[in-house]
Amino acid sequence: MDFVFGLPPDSKRRTGVVVFVDRFNKMHHLAAVPAEVTAVQTARLFVDMVFKHHGMPLDIVSDRDPRFTARFWQEVFTLLGTQLSMSTADHPHTDGQTERVNRVLGDLLKSYAHSFQ
């Protein structure tokens, strides 16, 4: 799981994207989010976009973004019996698949935006 921020605002003034990547099958889920997205909003997106389709993962890798280290996440994962593994921030060796998706997403969005200029 990761976030990409600093994008041009959409019609709802969202300037970020949350990225969920299944490291087993490489499937990814993306959702536009506001810059001030909360842990609760992210948890709801996770449940709606990932859990409903794939079930609860046994292991989750996340960077140390405060949206993922909040007490809310720790409690949810404790209750569900899911291990939360924290990667080193901006360390692609640990969460490289998500970082690659973020890079491609950025390139696609820049190309798309450039085509309208």
PDB file of N, CA and C in Angstrom:
ATOM      1  N   MET A   1       0.851  -1.179   0.000  1.00  0.00           N
ATOM      2  CA  MET A   1       0.000   0.000   0.000  1.00  0.00           C
ATOM      3  C   MET A   1       0.889   1.231   0.000  1.00  0.00           C
ATOM      4  N   ASP A   2       0.445   2.210  -0.751  1.00  0.00           N
ATOM      5  CA  ASP A   2       1.220   3.441  -0.817  1.00  0.00           C
ATOM      6  C   ASP A   2       0.332   4.563  -1.346  1.00  0.00           C
ATOM      7  N   PHE A   3       0.823   5.780  -1.243  1.00  0.00           N
ATOM      8  CA  PHE A   3       0.124   6.953  -1.753  1.00  0.00           C
ATOM      9  C   PHE A   3       0.997   7.675  -2.766  1.00  0.00           C
ATOM     10  N   VAL A   4       0.349   8.315  -3.731  1.00  0.00           N
ATOM     11  CA  VAL A   4       1.004   9.242  -4.654  1.00  0.00           C
ATOM     12  C   VAL A   4       0.259  10.563  -4.506  1.00  0.00           C
ATOM     13  N   PHE A   5       0.978  11.627  -4.164  1.00  0.00           N
ATOM     14  CA  PHE A   5       0.355  12.940  -3.995  1.00  0.00           C
ATOM     15  C   PHE A   5       1.004  13.955  -4.922  1.00  0.00           C
ATOM     16  N   GLY A   6       0.400  15.126  -4.990  1.00  0.00           N
ATOM     17  CA  GLY A   6       0.931  16.195  -5.817  1.00  0.00           C
ATOM     18  C   GLY A   6       0.420  16.154  -7.241  1.00  0.00           C
ATOM     19  N   LEU A   7      -0.672  15.445  -7.463  1.00  0.00           N
ATOM     20  CA  LEU A   7      -1.263  15.363  -8.795  1.00  0.00           C
ATOM     21  C   LEU A   7      -2.208  16.545  -9.009  1.00  0.00           C
ATOM     22  N   PRO A   8      -2.514  16.868 -10.248  1.00  0.00           N
ATOM     23  CA  PRO A   8      -3.503  17.928 -10.488  1.00  0.00           C
ATOM     24  C   PRO A   8      -4.854  17.523  -9.893  1.00  0.00           C
ATOM     25  N   PRO A   9      -5.599  18.460  -9.317  1.00  0.00           N
ATOM     26  CA  PRO A   9      -6.883  18.109  -8.693  1.00  0.00           C
ATOM     27  C   PRO A   9      -7.913  17.647  -9.719  1.00  0.00           C
ATOM     28  N   ASP A  10      -8.724  16.655  -9.297  1.00  0.00           N
ATOM     29  CA  ASP A  10      -9.834  16.227 -10.149  1.00  0.00           C
ATOM     30  C   ASP A  10     -11.054  17.087  -9.828  1.00  0.00           C
ATOM     31  N   SER A  11     -12.211  16.727 -10.358  1.00  0.00           N
ATOM     32  CA  SER A  11     -13.423  17.530 -10.156  1.00  0.00           C
ATOM     33  C   SER A  11     -13.854  17.592  -8.691  1.00  0.00           C
ATOM     34  N   LYS A  12     -13.397  16.629  -7.874  1.00  0.00           N
ATOM     35  CA  LYS A  12     -13.713  16.627  -6.441  1.00  0.00           C
ATOM     36  C   LYS A  12     -12.538  17.139  -5.607  1.00  0.00           C
ATOM     37  N   ARG A  13     -11.549  17.767  -6.280  1.00  0.00           N
ATOM     38  CA  ARG A  13     -10.381  18.366  -5.646  1.00  0.00           C
ATOM     39  C   ARG A  13      -9.476  17.345  -4.968  1.00  0.00           C
ATOM     40  N   ARG A  14      -9.496  16.120  -5.435  1.00  0.00           N
ATOM     41  CA  ARG A  14      -8.597  15.087  -4.917  1.00  0.00           C
ATOM     42  C   ARG A  14      -7.273  15.191  -5.671  1.00  0.00           C
ATOM     43  N   THR A  15      -6.175  15.202  -4.940  1.00  0.00           N
ATOM     44  CA  THR A  15      -4.858  15.366  -5.564  1.00  0.00           C
ATOM     45  C   THR A  15      -3.928  14.187  -5.303  1.00  0.00           C
ATOM     46  N   GLY A  16      -4.492  13.085  -4.857  1.00  0.00           N
ATOM     47  CA  GLY A  16      -3.675  11.915  -4.568  1.00  0.00           C
ATOM     48  C   GLY A  16      -4.328  10.641  -5.046  1.00  0.00           C
ATOM     49  N   VAL A  17      -3.535   9.578  -4.999  1.00  0.00           N
ATOM     50  CA  VAL A  17      -4.015   8.242  -5.350  1.00  0.00           C
ATOM     51  C   VAL A  17      -3.489   7.288  -4.293  1.00  0.00           C
ATOM     52  N   VAL A  18      -4.359   6.424  -3.787  1.00  0.00           N
ATOM     53  CA  VAL A  18      -3.902   5.336  -2.931  1.00  0.00           C
ATOM     54  C   VAL A  18      -3.721   4.125  -3.837  1.00  0.00           C
ATOM     55  N   VAL A  19      -2.611   3.402  -3.623  1.00  0.00           N
ATOM     56  CA  VAL A  19      -2.250   2.263  -4.467  1.00  0.00           C
ATOM     57  C   VAL A  19      -2.185   1.008  -3.600  1.00  0.00           C
ATOM     58  N   PHE A  20      -2.970   0.007  -3.969  1.00  0.00           N
ATOM     59  CA  PHE A  20      -2.920  -1.299  -3.320  1.00  0.00           C
ATOM     60  C   PHE A  20      -2.426  -2.295  -4.363  1.00  0.00           C
ATOM     61  N   VAL A  21      -1.371  -3.056  -4.060  1.00  0.00           N
ATOM     62  CA  VAL A  21      -0.830  -4.034  -5.005  1.00  0.00           C
ATOM     63  C   VAL A  21      -0.802  -5.401  -4.339  1.00  0.00           C
ATOM     64  N   ASP A  22      -1.391  -6.399  -5.011  1.00  0.00           N
ATOM     65  CA  ASP A  22      -1.298  -7.787  -4.567  1.00  0.00           C
ATOM     66  C   ASP A  22       0.036  -8.316  -5.077  1.00  0.00           C
ATOM     67  N   ARG A  23       0.970  -8.572  -4.175  1.00  0.00           N
ATOM     68  CA  ARG A  23       2.310  -8.981  -4.591  1.00  0.00           C
ATOM     69  C   ARG A  23       2.330 -10.376  -5.191  1.00  0.00           C
ATOM     70  N   PHE A  24       1.307 -11.168  -4.954  1.00  0.00           N
ATOM     71  CA  PHE A  24       1.266 -12.529  -5.503  1.00  0.00           C
ATOM     72  C   PHE A  24       0.881 -12.516  -6.978  1.00  0.00           C
ATOM     73  N   ASN A  25      -0.248 -11.883  -7.302  1.00  0.00           N
ATOM     74  CA  ASN A  25      -0.726 -11.912  -8.694  1.00  0.00           C
ATOM     75  C   ASN A  25      -0.508 -10.593  -9.438  1.00  0.00           C
ATOM     76  N   LYS A  26       0.141  -9.628  -8.794  1.00  0.00           N
ATOM     77  CA  LYS A  26       0.474  -8.322  -9.391  1.00  0.00           C
ATOM     78  C   LYS A  26      -0.749  -7.444  -9.665  1.00  0.00           C
ATOM     79  N   MET A  27      -1.931  -7.855  -9.236  1.00  0.00           N
ATOM     80  CA  MET A  27      -3.131  -7.042  -9.436  1.00  0.00           C
ATOM     81  C   MET A  27      -3.023  -5.791  -8.572  1.00  0.00           C
ATOM     82  N   HIS A  28      -3.439  -4.662  -9.117  1.00  0.00           N
ATOM     83  CA  HIS A  28      -3.395  -3.429  -8.346  1.00  0.00           C
ATOM     84  C   HIS A  28      -4.747  -2.732  -8.394  1.00  0.00           C
ATOM     85  N   HIS A  29      -5.031  -2.009  -7.321  1.00  0.00           N
ATOM     86  CA  HIS A  29      -6.257  -1.235  -7.178  1.00  0.00           C
ATOM     87  C   HIS A  29      -5.842   0.196  -6.867  1.00  0.00           C
ATOM     88  N   LEU A  30      -6.446   1.153  -7.556  1.00  0.00           N
ATOM     89  CA  LEU A  30      -6.121   2.567  -7.394  1.00  0.00           C
ATOM     90  C   LEU A  30      -7.386   3.346  -7.062  1.00  0.00           C
ATOM     91  N   ALA A  31      -7.266   4.350  -6.201  1.00  0.00           N
ATOM     92  CA  ALA A  31      -8.410   5.209  -5.880  1.00  0.00           C
ATOM     93  C   ALA A  31      -7.925   6.632  -5.652  1.00  0.00           C
ATOM     94  N   ALA A  32      -8.638   7.592  -6.215  1.00  0.00           N
ATOM     95  CA  ALA A  32      -8.329   9.003  -5.983  1.00  0.00           C
ATOM     96  C   ALA A  32      -8.676   9.356  -4.543  1.00  0.00           C
ATOM     97  N   VAL A  33      -7.787  10.118  -3.901  1.00  0.00           N
ATOM     98  CA  VAL A  33      -7.994  10.518  -2.508  1.00  0.00           C
ATOM     99  C   VAL A  33      -7.599  11.982  -2.337  1.00  0.00           C
ATOM    100  N   PRO A  34      -8.184  12.653  -1.329  1.00  0.00           N
ATOM    101  CA  PRO A  34      -7.759  14.022  -1.041  1.00  0.00           C
ATOM    102  C   PRO A  34      -6.394  14.016  -0.353  1.00  0.00           C
ATOM    103  N   ALA A  35      -5.710  15.135  -0.376  1.00  0.00           N
ATOM    104  CA  ALA A  35      -4.398  15.234   0.277  1.00  0.00           C
ATOM    105  C   ALA A  35      -4.503  14.960   1.776  1.00  0.00           C
ATOM    106  N   GLU A  36      -5.661  15.232   2.360  1.00  0.00           N
ATOM    107  CA  GLU A  36      -5.856  15.047   3.804  1.00  0.00           C
ATOM    108  C   GLU A  36      -6.530  13.713   4.113  1.00  0.00           C
ATOM    109  N   VAL A  37      -6.354  12.705   3.281  1.00  0.00           N
ATOM    110  CA  VAL A  37      -7.015  11.419   3.497  1.00  0.00           C
ATOM    111  C   VAL A  37      -6.647  10.874   4.881  1.00  0.00           C
ATOM    112  N   THR A  38      -7.633  10.314   5.557  1.00  0.00           N
ATOM    113  CA  THR A  38      -7.423   9.800   6.912  1.00  0.00           C
ATOM    114  C   THR A  38      -7.238   8.291   6.897  1.00  0.00           C
ATOM    115  N   ALA A  39      -6.796   7.757   8.034  1.00  0.00           N
ATOM    116  CA  ALA A  39      -6.650   6.315   8.182  1.00  0.00           C
ATOM    117  C   ALA A  39      -7.998   5.620   8.029  1.00  0.00           C
ATOM    118  N   VAL A  40      -9.048   6.234   8.551  1.00  0.00           N
ATOM    119  CA  VAL A  40     -10.384   5.634   8.456  1.00  0.00           C
ATOM    120  C   VAL A  40     -10.837   5.575   7.000  1.00  0.00           C
ATOM    121  N   GLN A  41     -10.639   6.670   6.247  1.00  0.00           N
ATOM    122  CA  GLN A  41     -11.006   6.665   4.825  1.00  0.00           C
ATOM    123  C   GLN A  41     -10.197   5.621   4.060  1.00  0.00           C
ATOM    124  N   THR A  42      -8.918   5.532   4.364  1.00  0.00           N
ATOM    125  CA  THR A  42      -8.059   4.560   3.689  1.00  0.00           C
ATOM    126  C   THR A  42      -8.488   3.144   4.036  1.00  0.00           C
ATOM    127  N   ALA A  43      -8.848   2.907   5.290  1.00  0.00           N
ATOM    128  CA  ALA A  43      -9.310   1.580   5.699  1.00  0.00           C
ATOM    129  C   ALA A  43     -10.579   1.199   4.944  1.00  0.00           C
ATOM    130  N   ARG A  44     -11.489   2.153   4.786  1.00  0.00           N
ATOM    131  CA  ARG A  44     -12.724   1.866   4.041  1.00  0.00           C
ATOM    132  C   ARG A  44     -12.418   1.531   2.586  1.00  0.00           C
ATOM    133  N   LEU A  45     -11.505   2.287   1.966  1.00  0.00           N
ATOM    134  CA  LEU A  45     -11.109   1.985   0.585  1.00  0.00           C
ATOM    135  C   LEU A  45     -10.473   0.602   0.501  1.00  0.00           C
ATOM    136  N   PHE A  46      -9.636   0.284   1.479  1.00  0.00           N
ATOM    137  CA  PHE A  46      -8.994  -1.028   1.503  1.00  0.00           C
ATOM    138  C   PHE A  46     -10.035  -2.142   1.568  1.00  0.00           C
ATOM    139  N   VAL A  47     -10.994  -1.986   2.457  1.00  0.00           N
ATOM    140  CA  VAL A  47     -12.040  -3.010   2.594  1.00  0.00           C
ATOM    141  C   VAL A  47     -12.873  -3.103   1.322  1.00  0.00           C
ATOM    142  N   ASP A  48     -13.268  -1.958   0.769  1.00  0.00           N
ATOM    143  CA  ASP A  48     -14.108  -1.952  -0.439  1.00  0.00           C
ATOM    144  C   ASP A  48     -13.375  -2.458  -1.671  1.00  0.00           C
ATOM    145  N   MET A  49     -12.101  -2.121  -1.803  1.00  0.00           N
ATOM    146  CA  MET A  49     -11.385  -2.431  -3.041  1.00  0.00           C
ATOM    147  C   MET A  49     -10.557  -3.712  -2.987  1.00  0.00           C
ATOM    148  N   VAL A  50     -10.090  -4.079  -1.820  1.00  0.00           N
ATOM    149  CA  VAL A  50      -9.203  -5.240  -1.709  1.00  0.00           C
ATOM    150  C   VAL A  50      -9.895  -6.387  -0.984  1.00  0.00           C
ATOM    151  N   PHE A  51     -10.317  -6.139   0.245  1.00  0.00           N
ATOM    152  CA  PHE A  51     -10.890  -7.201   1.060  1.00  0.00           C
ATOM    153  C   PHE A  51     -12.099  -7.856   0.398  1.00  0.00           C
ATOM    154  N   LYS A  52     -13.000  -7.062  -0.171  1.00  0.00           N
ATOM    155  CA  LYS A  52     -14.212  -7.617  -0.792  1.00  0.00           C
ATOM    156  C   LYS A  52     -13.907  -8.529  -1.969  1.00  0.00           C
ATOM    157  N   HIS A  53     -12.794  -8.276  -2.654  1.00  0.00           N
ATOM    158  CA  HIS A  53     -12.451  -9.070  -3.836  1.00  0.00           C
ATOM    159  C   HIS A  53     -11.479 -10.206  -3.541  1.00  0.00           C
ATOM    160  N   HIS A  54     -10.592 -10.017  -2.561  1.00  0.00           N
ATOM    161  CA  HIS A  54      -9.517 -10.980  -2.333  1.00  0.00           C
ATOM    162  C   HIS A  54      -9.509 -11.563  -0.926  1.00  0.00           C
ATOM    163  N   GLY A  55     -10.331 -11.036  -0.028  1.00  0.00           N
ATOM    164  CA  GLY A  55     -10.258 -11.461   1.358  1.00  0.00           C
ATOM    165  C   GLY A  55      -9.151 -10.709   2.082  1.00  0.00           C
ATOM    166  N   MET A  56      -9.003 -10.985   3.361  1.00  0.00           N
ATOM    167  CA  MET A  56      -7.988 -10.297   4.155  1.00  0.00           C
ATOM    168  C   MET A  56      -6.637 -10.969   3.948  1.00  0.00           C
ATOM    169  N   PRO A  57      -5.631 -10.196   3.591  1.00  0.00           N
ATOM    170  CA  PRO A  57      -4.300 -10.784   3.405  1.00  0.00           C
ATOM    171  C   PRO A  57      -3.715 -11.240   4.741  1.00  0.00           C
ATOM    172  N   LEU A  58      -2.819 -12.209   4.664  1.00  0.00           N
ATOM    173  CA  LEU A  58      -2.146 -12.687   5.864  1.00  0.00           C
ATOM    174  C   LEU A  58      -0.974 -11.787   6.241  1.00  0.00           C
ATOM    175  N   ASP A  59      -0.460 -11.038   5.277  1.00  0.00           N
ATOM    176  CA  ASP A  59       0.695 -10.176   5.504  1.00  0.00           C
ATOM    177  C   ASP A  59       0.532  -8.921   4.650  1.00  0.00           C
ATOM    178  N   ILE A  60       0.826  -7.757   5.211  1.00  0.00           N
ATOM    179  CA  ILE A  60       0.728  -6.495   4.488  1.00  0.00           C
ATOM    180  C   ILE A  60       2.051  -5.763   4.623  1.00  0.00           C
ATOM    181  N   VAL A  61       2.599  -5.305   3.501  1.00  0.00           N
ATOM    182  CA  VAL A  61       3.819  -4.499   3.506  1.00  0.00           C
ATOM    183  C   VAL A  61       3.420  -3.065   3.218  1.00  0.00           C
ATOM    184  N   SER A  62       3.873  -2.162   4.064  1.00  0.00           N
ATOM    185  CA  SER A  62       3.566  -0.745   3.902  1.00  0.00           C
ATOM    186  C   SER A  62       4.790   0.063   4.289  1.00  0.00           C
ATOM    187  N   ASP A  63       4.963   1.244   3.667  1.00  0.00           N
ATOM    188  CA  ASP A  63       6.022   2.121   4.150  1.00  0.00           C
ATOM    189  C   ASP A  63       5.547   2.732   5.466  1.00  0.00           C
ATOM    190  N   ARG A  64       6.320   3.587   6.030  1.00  0.00           N
ATOM    191  CA  ARG A  64       5.998   4.121   7.358  1.00  0.00           C
ATOM    192  C   ARG A  64       5.151   5.389   7.308  1.00  0.00           C
ATOM    193  N   ASP A  65       4.333   5.499   6.282  1.00  0.00           N
ATOM    194  CA  ASP A  65       3.429   6.642   6.160  1.00  0.00           C
ATOM    195  C   ASP A  65       2.518   6.686   7.382  1.00  0.00           C
ATOM    196  N   PRO A  66       2.331   7.854   7.998  1.00  0.00           N
ATOM    197  CA  PRO A  66       1.489   7.945   9.197  1.00  0.00           C
ATOM    198  C   PRO A  66       0.068   7.423   8.992  1.00  0.00           C
ATOM    199  N   ARG A  67      -0.433   7.448   7.745  1.00  0.00           N
ATOM    200  CA  ARG A  67      -1.779   6.943   7.497  1.00  0.00           C
ATOM    201  C   ARG A  67      -1.854   5.437   7.751  1.00  0.00           C
ATOM    202  N   PHE A  68      -0.704   4.754   7.686  1.00  0.00           N
ATOM    203  CA  PHE A  68      -0.700   3.312   7.910  1.00  0.00           C
ATOM    204  C   PHE A  68      -0.190   2.930   9.287  1.00  0.00           C
ATOM    205  N   THR A  69       0.454   3.823   9.984  1.00  0.00           N
ATOM    206  CA  THR A  69       0.992   3.471  11.291  1.00  0.00           C
ATOM    207  C   THR A  69       0.095   3.949  12.420  1.00  0.00           C
ATOM    208  N   ALA A  70      -1.002   4.570  12.089  1.00  0.00           N
ATOM    209  CA  ALA A  70      -1.927   5.070  13.106  1.00  0.00           C
ATOM    210  C   ALA A  70      -2.444   3.913  13.958  1.00  0.00           C
ATOM    211  N   ARG A  71      -2.808   4.241  15.149  1.00  0.00           N
ATOM    212  CA  ARG A  71      -3.340   3.243  16.096  1.00  0.00           C
ATOM    213  C   ARG A  71      -4.525   2.486  15.500  1.00  0.00           C
ATOM    214  N   PHE A  72      -5.304   3.164  14.674  1.00  0.00           N
ATOM    215  CA  PHE A  72      -6.451   2.526  14.028  1.00  0.00           C
ATOM    216  C   PHE A  72      -6.023   1.264  13.294  1.00  0.00           C
ATOM    217  N   TRP A  73      -4.954   1.378  12.472  1.00  0.00           N
ATOM    218  CA  TRP A  73      -4.497   0.219  11.700  1.00  0.00           C
ATOM    219  C   TRP A  73      -3.998  -0.896  12.612  1.00  0.00           C
ATOM    220  N   GLN A  74      -3.225  -0.543  13.606  1.00  0.00           N
ATOM    221  CA  GLN A  74      -2.697  -1.554  14.522  1.00  0.00           C
ATOM    222  C   GLN A  74      -3.830  -2.335  15.177  1.00  0.00           C
ATOM    223  N   GLU A  75      -4.857  -1.631  15.591  1.00  0.00           N
ATOM    224  CA  GLU A  75      -5.993  -2.292  16.239  1.00  0.00           C
ATOM    225  C   GLU A  75      -6.771  -3.167  15.269  1.00  0.00           C
ATOM    226  N   VAL A  76      -7.034  -2.662  14.066  1.00  0.00           N
ATOM    227  CA  VAL A  76      -7.759  -3.454  13.062  1.00  0.00           C
ATOM    228  C   VAL A  76      -7.009  -4.747  12.774  1.00  0.00           C
ATOM    229  N   PHE A  77      -5.711  -4.644  12.549  1.00  0.00           N
ATOM    230  CA  PHE A  77      -4.943  -5.837  12.199  1.00  0.00           C
ATOM    231  C   PHE A  77      -4.811  -6.798  13.377  1.00  0.00           C
ATOM    232  N   THR A  78      -4.726  -6.275  14.582  1.00  0.00           N
ATOM    233  CA  THR A  78      -4.693  -7.148  15.757  1.00  0.00           C
ATOM    234  C   THR A  78      -5.994  -7.942  15.861  1.00  0.00           C
ATOM    235  N   LEU A  79      -7.122  -7.268  15.694  1.00  0.00           N
ATOM    236  CA  LEU A  79      -8.423  -7.936  15.776  1.00  0.00           C
ATOM    237  C   LEU A  79      -8.598  -8.994  14.689  1.00  0.00           C
ATOM    238  N   LEU A  80      -8.045  -8.732  13.502  1.00  0.00           N
ATOM    239  CA  LEU A  80      -8.194  -9.661  12.382  1.00  0.00           C
ATOM    240  C   LEU A  80      -7.101 -10.718  12.331  1.00  0.00           C
ATOM    241  N   GLY A  81      -6.119 -10.608  13.195  1.00  0.00           N
ATOM    242  CA  GLY A  81      -5.032 -11.576  13.191  1.00  0.00           C
ATOM    243  C   GLY A  81      -4.099 -11.426  11.994  1.00  0.00           C
ATOM    244  N   THR A  82      -4.001 -10.215  11.446  1.00  0.00           N
ATOM    245  CA  THR A  82      -3.141  -9.953  10.293  1.00  0.00           C
ATOM    246  C   THR A  82      -1.844  -9.312  10.760  1.00  0.00           C
ATOM    247  N   GLN A  83      -0.718  -9.792  10.237  1.00  0.00           N
ATOM    248  CA  GLN A  83       0.585  -9.226  10.569  1.00  0.00           C
ATOM    249  C   GLN A  83       0.851  -8.013   9.694  1.00  0.00           C
ATOM    250  N   LEU A  84       1.196  -6.888  10.296  1.00  0.00           N
ATOM    251  CA  LEU A  84       1.534  -5.670   9.570  1.00  0.00           C
ATOM    252  C   LEU A  84       3.046  -5.545   9.539  1.00  0.00           C
ATOM    253  N   SER A  85       3.655  -5.663   8.356  1.00  0.00           N
ATOM    254  CA  SER A  85       5.106  -5.545   8.195  1.00  0.00           C
ATOM    255  C   SER A  85       5.416  -4.165   7.651  1.00  0.00           C
ATOM    256  N   MET A  86       6.239  -3.413   8.352  1.00  0.00           N
ATOM    257  CA  MET A  86       6.572  -2.056   7.939  1.00  0.00           C
ATOM    258  C   MET A  86       7.880  -2.060   7.155  1.00  0.00           C
ATOM    259  N   SER A  87       7.837  -1.492   5.957  1.00  0.00           N
ATOM    260  CA  SER A  87       9.051  -1.346   5.162  1.00  0.00           C
ATOM    261  C   SER A  87       9.740  -0.041   5.539  1.00  0.00           C
ATOM    262  N   THR A  88      10.956   0.129   5.076  1.00  0.00           N
ATOM    263  CA  THR A  88      11.665   1.385   5.248  1.00  0.00           C
ATOM    264  C   THR A  88      11.140   2.366   4.212  1.00  0.00           C
ATOM    265  N   ALA A  89      10.814   3.578   4.620  1.00  0.00           N
ATOM    266  CA  ALA A  89      10.256   4.573   3.699  1.00  0.00           C
ATOM    267  C   ALA A  89      11.181   4.793   2.509  1.00  0.00           C
ATOM    268  N   ASP A  90      10.583   4.865   1.322  1.00  0.00           N
ATOM    269  CA  ASP A  90      11.311   5.098   0.072  1.00  0.00           C
ATOM    270  C   ASP A  90      12.430   4.090  -0.150  1.00  0.00           C
ATOM    271  N   HIS A  91      12.219   2.862   0.270  1.00  0.00           N
ATOM    272  CA  HIS A  91      13.208   1.802   0.080  1.00  0.00           C
ATOM    273  C   HIS A  91      12.605   0.765  -0.856  1.00  0.00           C
ATOM    274  N   PRO A  92      12.829   0.898  -2.181  1.00  0.00           N
ATOM    275  CA  PRO A  92      12.131   0.076  -3.166  1.00  0.00           C
ATOM    276  C   PRO A  92      12.422  -1.416  -3.084  1.00  0.00           C
ATOM    277  N   HIS A  93      13.500  -1.819  -2.397  1.00  0.00           N
ATOM    278  CA  HIS A  93      13.780  -3.250  -2.303  1.00  0.00           C
ATOM    279  C   HIS A  93      12.693  -3.975  -1.521  1.00  0.00           C
ATOM    280  N   THR A  94      12.068  -3.292  -0.574  1.00  0.00           N
ATOM    281  CA  THR A  94      11.041  -3.914   0.249  1.00  0.00           C
ATOM    282  C   THR A  94       9.682  -3.886  -0.419  1.00  0.00           C
ATOM    283  N   ASP A  95       9.343  -2.776  -1.029  1.00  0.00           N
ATOM    284  CA  ASP A  95       8.017  -2.606  -1.625  1.00  0.00           C
ATOM    285  C   ASP A  95       8.163  -2.157  -3.077  1.00  0.00           C
ATOM    286  N   GLY A  96       9.039  -2.804  -3.810  1.00  0.00           N
ATOM    287  CA  GLY A  96       9.372  -2.400  -5.166  1.00  0.00           C
ATOM    288  C   GLY A  96       8.222  -2.469  -6.148  1.00  0.00           C
ATOM    289  N   GLN A  97       7.346  -3.456  -6.006  1.00  0.00           N
ATOM    290  CA  GLN A  97       6.240  -3.586  -6.954  1.00  0.00           C
ATOM    291  C   GLN A  97       5.331  -2.367  -6.893  1.00  0.00           C
ATOM    292  N   THR A  98       4.994  -1.923  -5.698  1.00  0.00           N
ATOM    293  CA  THR A  98       4.140  -0.748  -5.562  1.00  0.00           C
ATOM    294  C   THR A  98       4.859   0.489  -6.075  1.00  0.00           C
ATOM    295  N   GLU A  99       6.151   0.606  -5.789  1.00  0.00           N
ATOM    296  CA  GLU A  99       6.912   1.761  -6.273  1.00  0.00           C
ATOM    297  C   GLU A  99       6.934   1.795  -7.801  1.00  0.00           C
ATOM    298  N   ARG A 100       7.044   0.637  -8.457  1.00  0.00           N
ATOM    299  CA  ARG A 100       7.022   0.589  -9.919  1.00  0.00           C
ATOM    300  C   ARG A 100       5.660   1.021 -10.456  1.00  0.00           C
ATOM    301  N   VAL A 101       4.577   0.543  -9.829  1.00  0.00           N
ATOM    302  CA  VAL A 101       3.232   0.964 -10.248  1.00  0.00           C
ATOM    303  C   VAL A 101       3.101   2.479 -10.097  1.00  0.00           C
ATOM    304  N   ASN A 102       3.612   3.037  -8.986  1.00  0.00           N
ATOM    305  CA  ASN A 102       3.550   4.484  -8.769  1.00  0.00           C
ATOM    306  C   ASN A 102       4.282   5.236  -9.881  1.00  0.00           C
ATOM    307  N   ARG A 103       5.452   4.738 -10.284  1.00  0.00           N
ATOM    308  CA  ARG A 103       6.235   5.387 -11.335  1.00  0.00           C
ATOM    309  C   ARG A 103       5.479   5.371 -12.664  1.00  0.00           C
ATOM    310  N   VAL A 104       4.914   4.199 -13.024  1.00  0.00           N
ATOM    311  CA  VAL A 104       4.156   4.079 -14.273  1.00  0.00           C
ATOM    312  C   VAL A 104       2.911   4.960 -14.221  1.00  0.00           C
ATOM    313  N   LEU A 105       2.218   4.966 -13.086  1.00  0.00           N
ATOM    314  CA  LEU A 105       1.038   5.813 -12.921  1.00  0.00           C
ATOM    315  C   LEU A 105       1.398   7.281 -13.135  1.00  0.00           C
ATOM    316  N   GLY A 106       2.488   7.726 -12.543  1.00  0.00           N
ATOM    317  CA  GLY A 106       2.923   9.110 -12.720  1.00  0.00           C
ATOM    318  C   GLY A 106       3.214   9.426 -14.175  1.00  0.00           C
ATOM    319  N   ASP A 107       3.902   8.511 -14.868  1.00  0.00           N
ATOM    320  CA  ASP A 107       4.203   8.717 -16.290  1.00  0.00           C
ATOM    321  C   ASP A 107       2.925   8.799 -17.122  1.00  0.00           C
ATOM    322  N   LEU A 108       1.970   7.904 -16.846  1.00  0.00           N
ATOM    323  CA  LEU A 108       0.708   7.907 -17.589  1.00  0.00           C
ATOM    324  C   LEU A 108      -0.073   9.200 -17.368  1.00  0.00           C
ATOM    325  N   LEU A 109      -0.159   9.628 -16.116  1.00  0.00           N
ATOM    326  CA  LEU A 109      -0.908  10.844 -15.806  1.00  0.00           C
ATOM    327  C   LEU A 109      -0.251  12.076 -16.426  1.00  0.00           C
ATOM    328  N   LYS A 110       1.085  12.137 -16.395  1.00  0.00           N
ATOM    329  CA  LYS A 110       1.790  13.265 -17.014  1.00  0.00           C
ATOM    330  C   LYS A 110       1.545  13.285 -18.516  1.00  0.00           C
ATOM    331  N   SER A 111       1.609  12.114 -19.140  1.00  0.00           N
ATOM    332  CA  SER A 111       1.384  12.017 -20.583  1.00  0.00           C
ATOM    333  C   SER A 111      -0.038  12.438 -20.933  1.00  0.00           C
ATOM    334  N   TYR A 112      -0.999  11.973 -20.145  1.00  0.00           N
ATOM    335  CA  TYR A 112      -2.400  12.313 -20.376  1.00  0.00           C
ATOM    336  C   TYR A 112      -2.620  13.816 -20.218  1.00  0.00           C
ATOM    337  N   ALA A 113      -2.096  14.378 -19.132  1.00  0.00           N
ATOM    338  CA  ALA A 113      -2.269  15.813 -18.883  1.00  0.00           C
ATOM    339  C   ALA A 113      -1.582  16.635 -19.970  1.00  0.00           C
ATOM    340  N   HIS A 114      -0.418  16.179 -20.423  1.00  0.00           N
ATOM    341  CA  HIS A 114       0.330  16.897 -21.462  1.00  0.00           C
ATOM    342  C   HIS A 114      -0.445  16.924 -22.780  1.00  0.00           C
ATOM    343  N   SER A 115      -1.229  15.886 -23.049  1.00  0.00           N
ATOM    344  CA  SER A 115      -1.972  15.829 -24.310  1.00  0.00           C
ATOM    345  C   SER A 115      -3.070  16.891 -24.383  1.00  0.00           C
ATOM    346  N   PHE A 116      -3.460  17.475 -23.244  1.00  0.00           N
ATOM    347  CA  PHE A 116      -4.498  18.502 -23.212  1.00  0.00           C
ATOM    348  C   PHE A 116      -3.925  19.916 -23.115  1.00  0.00           C
ATOM    349  N   GLN A 117      -2.615  20.039 -23.145  1.00  0.00           N
ATOM    350  CA  GLN A 117      -2.000  21.371 -23.029  1.00  0.00           C
ATOM    351  C   GLN A 117      -1.721  21.969 -24.381  1.00  0.00           C
TER     352      GLN A 117
END
